[in-house]
Amino acid sequence: MRGKVEWYYNLRNERGSLVRTDGATVYPTLDYERCREGIDDLKYVCRLEQLVATAEKTGQAPAERARAQSLLRRIADNIQDEWTAYTHGGQRFPADGFDVLDPEKAAGMGRLDTIRRALAEQIVALQAALR
């Protein structure tokens, strides 16, 4: 068990930990789930960047590549470099009016899930165009 959650035990207490334990059972916290979702988001972005690089290298799928590059650029451009703008300034990511958000989808799925969906759809479209 120690090897699976060693980072937890290195904290020596549960205060500030991303997990809680009850005997041998480990329970994730909301912060743990947020971190996991952030890692998943990064995987989507990295995968799309890899596909763009492949399309550039092979000269394939110029239209889908351009759409993917545009999406990645819009996401990057909407990230505030000063993190305290989110924690202390009340700013949200993505910024209000972020044009990748379909208002209908965002209302039903939420803002971040809508961006994840846009990334996933672009990954699928670029993969199909590269075949």
C-alpha atoms as a PDB file:
ATOM      1  CA  MET A   1       0.000   0.000   0.000  1.00  0.00           C
ATOM      2  CA  ARG A   2       2.773   2.474   0.837  1.00  0.00           C
ATOM      3  CA  GLY A   3       4.111   2.519  -2.732  1.00  0.00           C
ATOM      4  CA  LYS A   4       0.712   3.396  -4.188  1.00  0.00           C
ATOM      5  CA  VAL A   5       0.199   6.563  -2.157  1.00  0.00           C
ATOM      6  CA  GLU A   6       3.713   7.283  -0.940  1.00  0.00           C
ATOM      7  CA  TRP A   7       3.302  11.003  -1.652  1.00  0.00           C
ATOM      8  CA  TYR A   8       0.473  10.982   0.872  1.00  0.00           C
ATOM      9  CA  TYR A   9       2.445   9.355   3.636  1.00  0.00           C
ATOM     10  CA  ASN A  10       5.382  11.671   3.074  1.00  0.00           C
ATOM     11  CA  LEU A  11       3.161  14.498   4.294  1.00  0.00           C
ATOM     12  CA  ARG A  12       3.054  12.803   7.728  1.00  0.00           C
ATOM     13  CA  ASN A  13      -0.462  14.080   8.375  1.00  0.00           C
ATOM     14  CA  GLU A  14      -3.740  14.541   6.550  1.00  0.00           C
ATOM     15  CA  ARG A  15      -3.788  18.326   6.755  1.00  0.00           C
ATOM     16  CA  GLY A  16      -3.360  19.585   3.209  1.00  0.00           C
ATOM     17  CA  SER A  17      -3.334  16.080   1.800  1.00  0.00           C
ATOM     18  CA  LEU A  18      -5.113  15.201  -1.414  1.00  0.00           C
ATOM     19  CA  VAL A  19      -6.445  11.985   0.081  1.00  0.00           C
ATOM     20  CA  ARG A  20      -7.911  10.758   3.342  1.00  0.00           C
ATOM     21  CA  THR A  21      -7.530   7.287   4.784  1.00  0.00           C
ATOM     22  CA  ASP A  22      -9.689   4.966   6.799  1.00  0.00           C
ATOM     23  CA  GLY A  23      -7.542   2.006   7.709  1.00  0.00           C
ATOM     24  CA  ALA A  24      -6.228   0.574   4.449  1.00  0.00           C
ATOM     25  CA  THR A  25      -8.804   2.442   2.349  1.00  0.00           C
ATOM     26  CA  VAL A  26      -7.754   5.645   0.584  1.00  0.00           C
ATOM     27  CA  TYR A  27     -10.407   8.240  -0.280  1.00  0.00           C
ATOM     28  CA  PRO A  28      -9.692  11.065  -2.713  1.00  0.00           C
ATOM     29  CA  THR A  29     -10.688  14.615  -1.854  1.00  0.00           C
ATOM     30  CA  LEU A  30     -12.192  17.231  -4.157  1.00  0.00           C
ATOM     31  CA  ASP A  31      -8.713  18.714  -4.571  1.00  0.00           C
ATOM     32  CA  TYR A  32      -7.461  15.299  -5.703  1.00  0.00           C
ATOM     33  CA  GLU A  33     -10.239  15.081  -8.285  1.00  0.00           C
ATOM     34  CA  ARG A  34      -9.485  18.614  -9.489  1.00  0.00           C
ATOM     35  CA  CYS A  35      -5.823  17.687  -9.926  1.00  0.00           C
ATOM     36  CA  ARG A  36      -6.800  14.544 -11.818  1.00  0.00           C
ATOM     37  CA  GLU A  37      -9.065  16.552 -14.118  1.00  0.00           C
ATOM     38  CA  GLY A  38      -6.266  19.048 -14.711  1.00  0.00           C
ATOM     39  CA  ILE A  39      -3.930  16.222 -15.691  1.00  0.00           C
ATOM     40  CA  ASP A  40      -6.585  14.866 -18.054  1.00  0.00           C
ATOM     41  CA  ASP A  41      -6.950  18.340 -19.591  1.00  0.00           C
ATOM     42  CA  LEU A  42      -3.213  18.520 -20.112  1.00  0.00           C
ATOM     43  CA  LYS A  43      -3.266  15.108 -21.812  1.00  0.00           C
ATOM     44  CA  TYR A  44      -5.911  16.367 -24.252  1.00  0.00           C
ATOM     45  CA  VAL A  45      -3.851  19.472 -25.041  1.00  0.00           C
ATOM     46  CA  CYS A  46      -0.645  17.455 -25.467  1.00  0.00           C
ATOM     47  CA  ARG A  47      -2.359  14.945 -27.737  1.00  0.00           C
ATOM     48  CA  LEU A  48      -3.732  17.701 -29.945  1.00  0.00           C
ATOM     49  CA  GLU A  49      -0.300  19.349 -30.076  1.00  0.00           C
ATOM     50  CA  GLN A  50       1.229  16.002 -31.137  1.00  0.00           C
ATOM     51  CA  LEU A  51      -1.325  15.627 -33.908  1.00  0.00           C
ATOM     52  CA  VAL A  52      -0.679  19.187 -35.105  1.00  0.00           C
ATOM     53  CA  ALA A  53       3.062  18.439 -35.199  1.00  0.00           C
ATOM     54  CA  THR A  54       2.411  15.267 -37.213  1.00  0.00           C
ATOM     55  CA  ALA A  55       0.173  17.144 -39.635  1.00  0.00           C
ATOM     56  CA  GLU A  56       2.833  19.838 -40.064  1.00  0.00           C
ATOM     57  CA  LYS A  57       5.606  17.279 -40.589  1.00  0.00           C
ATOM     58  CA  THR A  58       3.644  15.307 -43.183  1.00  0.00           C
ATOM     59  CA  GLY A  59       1.933  18.283 -44.807  1.00  0.00           C
ATOM     60  CA  GLN A  60      -1.457  16.638 -44.280  1.00  0.00           C
ATOM     61  CA  ALA A  61      -4.821  17.989 -43.194  1.00  0.00           C
ATOM     62  CA  PRO A  62      -4.105  21.726 -43.518  1.00  0.00           C
ATOM     63  CA  ALA A  63      -7.675  22.807 -42.720  1.00  0.00           C
ATOM     64  CA  GLU A  64      -8.040  20.604 -39.623  1.00  0.00           C
ATOM     65  CA  ARG A  65      -4.522  21.513 -38.533  1.00  0.00           C
ATOM     66  CA  ALA A  66      -5.397  25.212 -38.743  1.00  0.00           C
ATOM     67  CA  ARG A  67      -8.570  24.670 -36.689  1.00  0.00           C
ATOM     68  CA  ALA A  68      -6.590  22.739 -34.072  1.00  0.00           C
ATOM     69  CA  GLN A  69      -3.907  25.419 -33.905  1.00  0.00           C
ATOM     70  CA  SER A  70      -6.569  28.085 -33.540  1.00  0.00           C
ATOM     71  CA  LEU A  71      -8.218  26.230 -30.654  1.00  0.00           C
ATOM     72  CA  LEU A  72      -4.886  25.722 -28.882  1.00  0.00           C
ATOM     73  CA  ARG A  73      -3.973  29.385 -29.385  1.00  0.00           C
ATOM     74  CA  ARG A  74      -7.345  30.591 -28.031  1.00  0.00           C
ATOM     75  CA  ILE A  75      -6.969  28.414 -24.947  1.00  0.00           C
ATOM     76  CA  ALA A  76      -3.417  29.661 -24.332  1.00  0.00           C
ATOM     77  CA  ASP A  77      -4.380  33.284 -24.931  1.00  0.00           C
ATOM     78  CA  ASN A  78      -7.137  33.060 -22.310  1.00  0.00           C
ATOM     79  CA  ILE A  79      -4.898  31.776 -19.529  1.00  0.00           C
ATOM     80  CA  GLN A  80      -4.006  34.570 -17.147  1.00  0.00           C
ATOM     81  CA  ASP A  81      -0.278  34.436 -16.362  1.00  0.00           C
ATOM     82  CA  GLU A  82      -0.815  35.876 -12.903  1.00  0.00           C
ATOM     83  CA  TRP A  83      -2.474  33.052 -10.948  1.00  0.00           C
ATOM     84  CA  THR A  84      -3.656  35.360  -8.187  1.00  0.00           C
ATOM     85  CA  ALA A  85      -6.128  36.816 -10.694  1.00  0.00           C
ATOM     86  CA  TYR A  86      -8.032  33.554 -10.220  1.00  0.00           C
ATOM     87  CA  THR A  87      -7.497  33.091  -6.489  1.00  0.00           C
ATOM     88  CA  HIS A  88      -7.836  36.682  -5.338  1.00  0.00           C
ATOM     89  CA  GLY A  89      -9.138  38.668  -8.283  1.00  0.00           C
ATOM     90  CA  GLY A  90     -12.290  36.714  -9.000  1.00  0.00           C
ATOM     91  CA  GLN A  91     -11.293  35.989 -12.603  1.00  0.00           C
ATOM     92  CA  ARG A  92     -12.592  32.777 -14.159  1.00  0.00           C
ATOM     93  CA  PHE A  93     -11.048  30.533 -16.757  1.00  0.00           C
ATOM     94  CA  PRO A  94     -12.038  30.581 -19.439  1.00  0.00           C
ATOM     95  CA  ALA A  95     -12.744  34.262 -19.641  1.00  0.00           C
ATOM     96  CA  ASP A  96     -16.369  35.243 -20.190  1.00  0.00           C
ATOM     97  CA  GLY A  97     -17.080  35.361 -23.901  1.00  0.00           C
ATOM     98  CA  PHE A  98     -14.463  32.730 -24.738  1.00  0.00           C
ATOM     99  CA  ASP A  99     -15.495  31.987 -28.295  1.00  0.00           C
ATOM    100  CA  VAL A 100     -14.921  28.217 -28.239  1.00  0.00           C
ATOM    101  CA  LEU A 101     -17.776  27.857 -25.779  1.00  0.00           C
ATOM    102  CA  ASP A 102     -21.057  26.974 -27.375  1.00  0.00           C
ATOM    103  CA  PRO A 103     -23.452  28.727 -24.957  1.00  0.00           C
ATOM    104  CA  GLU A 104     -25.963  25.885 -25.158  1.00  0.00           C
ATOM    105  CA  LYS A 105     -23.310  23.239 -24.441  1.00  0.00           C
ATOM    106  CA  ALA A 106     -21.723  25.344 -21.712  1.00  0.00           C
ATOM    107  CA  ALA A 107     -25.094  25.743 -19.997  1.00  0.00           C
ATOM    108  CA  GLY A 108     -25.632  21.989 -19.926  1.00  0.00           C
ATOM    109  CA  MET A 109     -22.083  20.668 -19.552  1.00  0.00           C
ATOM    110  CA  GLY A 110     -20.281  23.465 -17.778  1.00  0.00           C
ATOM    111  CA  ARG A 111     -17.534  25.721 -19.038  1.00  0.00           C
ATOM    112  CA  LEU A 112     -14.526  23.460 -18.547  1.00  0.00           C
ATOM    113  CA  ASP A 113     -16.271  20.346 -19.828  1.00  0.00           C
ATOM    114  CA  THR A 114     -17.241  22.309 -22.937  1.00  0.00           C
ATOM    115  CA  ILE A 115     -13.584  23.106 -23.589  1.00  0.00           C
ATOM    116  CA  ARG A 116     -12.635  19.475 -22.965  1.00  0.00           C
ATOM    117  CA  ARG A 117     -15.301  18.479 -25.461  1.00  0.00           C
ATOM    118  CA  ALA A 118     -13.956  20.959 -28.039  1.00  0.00           C
ATOM    119  CA  LEU A 119     -10.453  19.530 -27.580  1.00  0.00           C
ATOM    120  CA  ALA A 120     -11.724  15.961 -27.893  1.00  0.00           C
ATOM    121  CA  GLU A 121     -13.730  16.766 -31.011  1.00  0.00           C
ATOM    122  CA  GLN A 122     -10.705  18.438 -32.603  1.00  0.00           C
ATOM    123  CA  ILE A 123      -8.490  15.458 -31.731  1.00  0.00           C
ATOM    124  CA  VAL A 124     -10.945  13.080 -33.388  1.00  0.00           C
ATOM    125  CA  ALA A 125     -11.295  15.327 -36.469  1.00  0.00           C
ATOM    126  CA  LEU A 126      -7.531  15.707 -36.905  1.00  0.00           C
ATOM    127  CA  GLN A 127      -6.917  11.996 -36.388  1.00  0.00           C
ATOM    128  CA  ALA A 128      -9.497  11.191 -39.065  1.00  0.00           C
ATOM    129  CA  ALA A 129      -7.965  13.727 -41.456  1.00  0.00           C
ATOM    130  CA  LEU A 130      -4.485  12.207 -40.979  1.00  0.00           C
ATOM    131  CA  ARG A 131      -5.552   8.716 -42.037  1.00  0.00           C
END
